[in-house]
Amino acid sequence: MGSFDGQPVKVLAGQDRFERQRKVFGVMPFALKLTAQDVGEGWLILEQANAYRGGPPRHLHHGQDEWFYVIEGEYVVEIAGQQHRLGPGDSILAPREVPHTWALVGPGAGRMLIAFQPAGKMEAFFDEATKLPEMPPYPEVRELFAAHGMEVVGPPLEVD
């Protein structure tokens, strides 16, 4: 399927679809690669960079499947309580309604592609998360996730 308006969507390496510099909670740079604007509500694909170990709280999506593809670094992705170690070239799908989280665990920086299908409210979530200088306290982060079709179900993975 082509882009929503019938035109190709080209995003250069290291660039954002809308040529913006973005950081989730002030620390995780990301770049949108394909959005609902490009393919209707079909997909949201972003490239996430991680310079610190750790990741988001355990959560689930009520309306999206989430797919992870590691480009660089070493990650642990937990889905339904089972941990999976991933390196460059590895991918895994977290189905909707299934609790999951991820964390950068390797010694260096990491990068991965993350895709949401359908896009739902995920682009709006990331827009809101870029306005915050850090991860909000637990009750507030639960509200932010809930407002975008997700449910926080536990703390982030502990990383040594």
C-alpha atoms as a PDB file:
ATOM      1  CA  MET A   1       0.000   0.000   0.000  1.00  0.00           C
ATOM      2  CA  GLY A   2       1.390   3.422  -0.929  1.00  0.00           C
ATOM      3  CA  SER A   3       1.187   6.561   1.105  1.00  0.00           C
ATOM      4  CA  PHE A   4      -2.220   7.979   2.036  1.00  0.00           C
ATOM      5  CA  ASP A   5      -1.985  10.705  -0.652  1.00  0.00           C
ATOM      6  CA  GLY A   6      -0.395   8.409  -3.242  1.00  0.00           C
ATOM      7  CA  GLN A   7       3.096   9.915  -2.914  1.00  0.00           C
ATOM      8  CA  PRO A   8       6.277   8.171  -1.753  1.00  0.00           C
ATOM      9  CA  VAL A   9       7.404   8.929   1.782  1.00  0.00           C
ATOM     10  CA  LYS A  10      11.186   9.231   2.028  1.00  0.00           C
ATOM     11  CA  VAL A  11      12.886   9.880   5.356  1.00  0.00           C
ATOM     12  CA  LEU A  12      16.655  10.063   5.381  1.00  0.00           C
ATOM     13  CA  ALA A  13      18.859   8.253   7.904  1.00  0.00           C
ATOM     14  CA  GLY A  14      18.951  10.089  11.213  1.00  0.00           C
ATOM     15  CA  GLN A  15      16.033  12.301  10.226  1.00  0.00           C
ATOM     16  CA  ASP A  16      12.447  12.702  11.422  1.00  0.00           C
ATOM     17  CA  ARG A  17       9.494  12.552   9.017  1.00  0.00           C
ATOM     18  CA  PHE A  18       8.663  16.170   9.906  1.00  0.00           C
ATOM     19  CA  GLU A  19      12.303  17.300  10.387  1.00  0.00           C
ATOM     20  CA  ARG A  20      11.863  17.802  14.149  1.00  0.00           C
ATOM     21  CA  GLN A  21      14.224  16.939  16.996  1.00  0.00           C
ATOM     22  CA  ARG A  22      12.236  14.996  19.621  1.00  0.00           C
ATOM     23  CA  LYS A  23      12.963  13.357  22.972  1.00  0.00           C
ATOM     24  CA  VAL A  24      10.573  11.217  25.013  1.00  0.00           C
ATOM     25  CA  PHE A  25      10.571  12.397  28.640  1.00  0.00           C
ATOM     26  CA  GLY A  26      13.593  14.587  27.882  1.00  0.00           C
ATOM     27  CA  VAL A  27      16.036  11.678  27.484  1.00  0.00           C
ATOM     28  CA  MET A  28      15.106   9.310  24.618  1.00  0.00           C
ATOM     29  CA  PRO A  29      15.576  10.783  21.128  1.00  0.00           C
ATOM     30  CA  PHE A  30      13.221   9.421  18.509  1.00  0.00           C
ATOM     31  CA  ALA A  31      12.328  10.119  14.907  1.00  0.00           C
ATOM     32  CA  LEU A  32       9.000   9.442  13.255  1.00  0.00           C
ATOM     33  CA  LYS A  33       9.483   7.469  10.052  1.00  0.00           C
ATOM     34  CA  LEU A  34       5.898   6.688   8.948  1.00  0.00           C
ATOM     35  CA  THR A  35       2.711   8.151  10.425  1.00  0.00           C
ATOM     36  CA  ALA A  36      -1.062   7.867  10.219  1.00  0.00           C
ATOM     37  CA  GLN A  37      -0.898  10.925   7.943  1.00  0.00           C
ATOM     38  CA  ASP A  38       1.052   8.776   5.461  1.00  0.00           C
ATOM     39  CA  VAL A  39      -1.063   5.597   5.528  1.00  0.00           C
ATOM     40  CA  GLY A  40      -4.318   6.483   7.240  1.00  0.00           C
ATOM     41  CA  GLU A  41      -4.576   4.874  10.657  1.00  0.00           C
ATOM     42  CA  GLY A  42      -2.577   1.859   9.501  1.00  0.00           C
ATOM     43  CA  TRP A  43       0.844   2.368  11.082  1.00  0.00           C
ATOM     44  CA  LEU A  44       3.099   4.504  13.207  1.00  0.00           C
ATOM     45  CA  ILE A  45       6.785   3.638  12.850  1.00  0.00           C
ATOM     46  CA  LEU A  46       9.524   5.407  14.760  1.00  0.00           C
ATOM     47  CA  GLU A  47      13.230   5.009  15.390  1.00  0.00           C
ATOM     48  CA  GLN A  48      14.055   5.159  19.102  1.00  0.00           C
ATOM     49  CA  ALA A  49      17.574   5.939  20.331  1.00  0.00           C
ATOM     50  CA  ASN A  50      18.646   5.026  23.850  1.00  0.00           C
ATOM     51  CA  ALA A  51      21.749   6.418  25.489  1.00  0.00           C
ATOM     52  CA  TYR A  52      20.925   5.138  28.968  1.00  0.00           C
ATOM     53  CA  ARG A  53      20.063   1.716  30.313  1.00  0.00           C
ATOM     54  CA  GLY A  54      16.436   1.020  31.143  1.00  0.00           C
ATOM     55  CA  GLY A  55      13.059   1.636  29.544  1.00  0.00           C
ATOM     56  CA  PRO A  56       9.373   2.381  30.124  1.00  0.00           C
ATOM     57  CA  PRO A  57       7.042   0.932  32.773  1.00  0.00           C
ATOM     58  CA  ARG A  58       5.315  -2.362  32.071  1.00  0.00           C
ATOM     59  CA  HIS A  59       2.191  -1.561  30.099  1.00  0.00           C
ATOM     60  CA  LEU A  60      -0.269  -2.863  27.538  1.00  0.00           C
ATOM     61  CA  HIS A  61      -2.001  -1.344  24.545  1.00  0.00           C
ATOM     62  CA  HIS A  62      -5.734  -1.787  24.252  1.00  0.00           C
ATOM     63  CA  GLY A  63      -5.785  -1.096  20.522  1.00  0.00           C
ATOM     64  CA  GLN A  64      -2.304  -1.661  19.050  1.00  0.00           C
ATOM     65  CA  ASP A  65       0.136  -4.428  18.399  1.00  0.00           C
ATOM     66  CA  GLU A  66       3.721  -3.213  19.009  1.00  0.00           C
ATOM     67  CA  TRP A  67       6.689  -4.551  17.040  1.00  0.00           C
ATOM     68  CA  PHE A  68      10.341  -4.031  18.002  1.00  0.00           C
ATOM     69  CA  TYR A  69      13.347  -4.363  15.658  1.00  0.00           C
ATOM     70  CA  VAL A  70      16.807  -3.816  17.158  1.00  0.00           C
ATOM     71  CA  ILE A  71      19.254  -1.875  14.993  1.00  0.00           C
ATOM     72  CA  GLU A  72      22.047  -1.375  17.525  1.00  0.00           C
ATOM     73  CA  GLY A  73      22.687  -2.385  21.129  1.00  0.00           C
ATOM     74  CA  GLU A  74      21.365  -5.081  23.411  1.00  0.00           C
ATOM     75  CA  TYR A  75      17.821  -5.071  24.789  1.00  0.00           C
ATOM     76  CA  VAL A  76      15.580  -7.201  26.945  1.00  0.00           C
ATOM     77  CA  VAL A  77      11.936  -7.185  25.890  1.00  0.00           C
ATOM     78  CA  GLU A  78       9.483  -8.683  28.359  1.00  0.00           C
ATOM     79  CA  ILE A  79       6.146  -9.902  27.001  1.00  0.00           C
ATOM     80  CA  ALA A  80       3.576 -11.599  29.239  1.00  0.00           C
ATOM     81  CA  GLY A  81       6.250 -12.001  31.933  1.00  0.00           C
ATOM     82  CA  GLN A  82       8.707 -13.807  29.646  1.00  0.00           C
ATOM     83  CA  GLN A  83      12.016 -12.065  28.937  1.00  0.00           C
ATOM     84  CA  HIS A  84      13.657 -12.126  25.507  1.00  0.00           C
ATOM     85  CA  ARG A  85      17.204 -10.870  24.877  1.00  0.00           C
ATOM     86  CA  LEU A  86      17.532  -9.104  21.509  1.00  0.00           C
ATOM     87  CA  GLY A  87      20.494  -7.790  19.543  1.00  0.00           C
ATOM     88  CA  PRO A  88      20.963  -6.153  16.138  1.00  0.00           C
ATOM     89  CA  GLY A  89      18.672  -7.684  13.527  1.00  0.00           C
ATOM     90  CA  ASP A  90      16.360  -9.343  16.070  1.00  0.00           C
ATOM     91  CA  SER A  91      12.661  -8.466  16.291  1.00  0.00           C
ATOM     92  CA  ILE A  92       9.661  -9.377  18.413  1.00  0.00           C
ATOM     93  CA  LEU A  93       5.932  -8.624  18.449  1.00  0.00           C
ATOM     94  CA  ALA A  94       4.021  -7.618  21.580  1.00  0.00           C
ATOM     95  CA  PRO A  95       0.334  -8.285  20.820  1.00  0.00           C
ATOM     96  CA  ARG A  96      -2.315  -5.843  21.996  1.00  0.00           C
ATOM     97  CA  GLU A  97      -3.777  -6.486  25.464  1.00  0.00           C
ATOM     98  CA  VAL A  98      -0.569  -8.292  26.530  1.00  0.00           C
ATOM     99  CA  PRO A  99       1.641  -6.635  29.188  1.00  0.00           C
ATOM    100  CA  HIS A 100       5.127  -5.803  27.968  1.00  0.00           C
ATOM    101  CA  THR A 101       8.122  -3.547  28.428  1.00  0.00           C
ATOM    102  CA  TRP A 102      11.692  -3.255  27.207  1.00  0.00           C
ATOM    103  CA  ALA A 103      15.035  -2.021  28.459  1.00  0.00           C
ATOM    104  CA  LEU A 104      18.418  -1.270  26.967  1.00  0.00           C
ATOM    105  CA  VAL A 105      20.753  -3.599  28.871  1.00  0.00           C
ATOM    106  CA  GLY A 106      23.995  -3.562  26.890  1.00  0.00           C
ATOM    107  CA  PRO A 107      27.032  -1.448  27.703  1.00  0.00           C
ATOM    108  CA  GLY A 108      26.628   1.026  24.823  1.00  0.00           C
ATOM    109  CA  ALA A 109      23.903   3.041  23.160  1.00  0.00           C
ATOM    110  CA  GLY A 110      20.968   1.372  21.451  1.00  0.00           C
ATOM    111  CA  ARG A 111      18.588   2.036  18.586  1.00  0.00           C
ATOM    112  CA  MET A 112      15.488   0.220  17.472  1.00  0.00           C
ATOM    113  CA  LEU A 113      12.536   0.600  15.174  1.00  0.00           C
ATOM    114  CA  ILE A 114       9.180   0.421  16.915  1.00  0.00           C
ATOM    115  CA  ALA A 115       5.967  -0.012  14.930  1.00  0.00           C
ATOM    116  CA  PHE A 116       2.404   0.331  16.169  1.00  0.00           C
ATOM    117  CA  GLN A 117      -0.473  -1.166  14.227  1.00  0.00           C
ATOM    118  CA  PRO A 118      -2.936   0.476  13.962  1.00  0.00           C
ATOM    119  CA  ALA A 119      -1.502   3.877  14.852  1.00  0.00           C
ATOM    120  CA  GLY A 120      -4.363   4.816  17.174  1.00  0.00           C
ATOM    121  CA  LYS A 121      -3.399   7.522  19.677  1.00  0.00           C
ATOM    122  CA  MET A 122       0.300   6.654  19.747  1.00  0.00           C
ATOM    123  CA  GLU A 123       1.512   9.682  17.785  1.00  0.00           C
ATOM    124  CA  ALA A 124      -0.424  11.939  20.187  1.00  0.00           C
ATOM    125  CA  PHE A 125       1.169  10.056  23.112  1.00  0.00           C
ATOM    126  CA  PHE A 126       4.667  10.738  21.806  1.00  0.00           C
ATOM    127  CA  ASP A 127       3.773  14.388  21.155  1.00  0.00           C
ATOM    128  CA  GLU A 128       2.712  14.732  24.808  1.00  0.00           C
ATOM    129  CA  ALA A 129       5.744  12.809  26.103  1.00  0.00           C
ATOM    130  CA  THR A 130       8.100  15.189  24.269  1.00  0.00           C
ATOM    131  CA  LYS A 131       6.655  18.103  26.235  1.00  0.00           C
ATOM    132  CA  LEU A 132       7.758  16.564  29.542  1.00  0.00           C
ATOM    133  CA  PRO A 133      11.339  17.055  30.807  1.00  0.00           C
ATOM    134  CA  GLU A 134      11.376  13.666  32.598  1.00  0.00           C
ATOM    135  CA  MET A 135       9.263  10.594  33.295  1.00  0.00           C
ATOM    136  CA  PRO A 136       6.343  11.752  35.464  1.00  0.00           C
ATOM    137  CA  PRO A 137       5.704  10.170  38.882  1.00  0.00           C
ATOM    138  CA  TYR A 138       3.779   6.884  38.851  1.00  0.00           C
ATOM    139  CA  PRO A 139       0.193   8.242  39.208  1.00  0.00           C
ATOM    140  CA  GLU A 140       0.743  10.850  36.484  1.00  0.00           C
ATOM    141  CA  VAL A 141       2.417   8.444  34.055  1.00  0.00           C
ATOM    142  CA  ARG A 142      -0.573   6.095  34.474  1.00  0.00           C
ATOM    143  CA  GLU A 143      -2.913   8.961  33.483  1.00  0.00           C
ATOM    144  CA  LEU A 144      -0.784   9.873  30.452  1.00  0.00           C
ATOM    145  CA  PHE A 145      -0.743   6.261  29.230  1.00  0.00           C
ATOM    146  CA  ALA A 146      -4.502   5.808  29.875  1.00  0.00           C
ATOM    147  CA  ALA A 147      -5.357   8.955  27.915  1.00  0.00           C
ATOM    148  CA  HIS A 148      -3.712   7.319  24.895  1.00  0.00           C
ATOM    149  CA  GLY A 149      -5.234   3.848  25.041  1.00  0.00           C
ATOM    150  CA  MET A 150      -2.633   2.148  27.228  1.00  0.00           C
ATOM    151  CA  GLU A 151      -2.561   0.806  30.765  1.00  0.00           C
ATOM    152  CA  VAL A 152       0.469   0.869  33.071  1.00  0.00           C
ATOM    153  CA  VAL A 153       0.581  -2.508  34.849  1.00  0.00           C
ATOM    154  CA  GLY A 154       3.916  -2.399  36.663  1.00  0.00           C
ATOM    155  CA  PRO A 155       7.328  -0.820  37.087  1.00  0.00           C
ATOM    156  CA  PRO A 156      10.092  -0.744  34.464  1.00  0.00           C
ATOM    157  CA  LEU A 157      12.505  -3.667  34.208  1.00  0.00           C
ATOM    158  CA  GLU A 158      15.317  -3.522  36.747  1.00  0.00           C
ATOM    159  CA  VAL A 159      18.654  -3.204  34.997  1.00  0.00           C
ATOM    160  CA  ASP A 160      21.952  -4.066  36.753  1.00  0.00           C
END
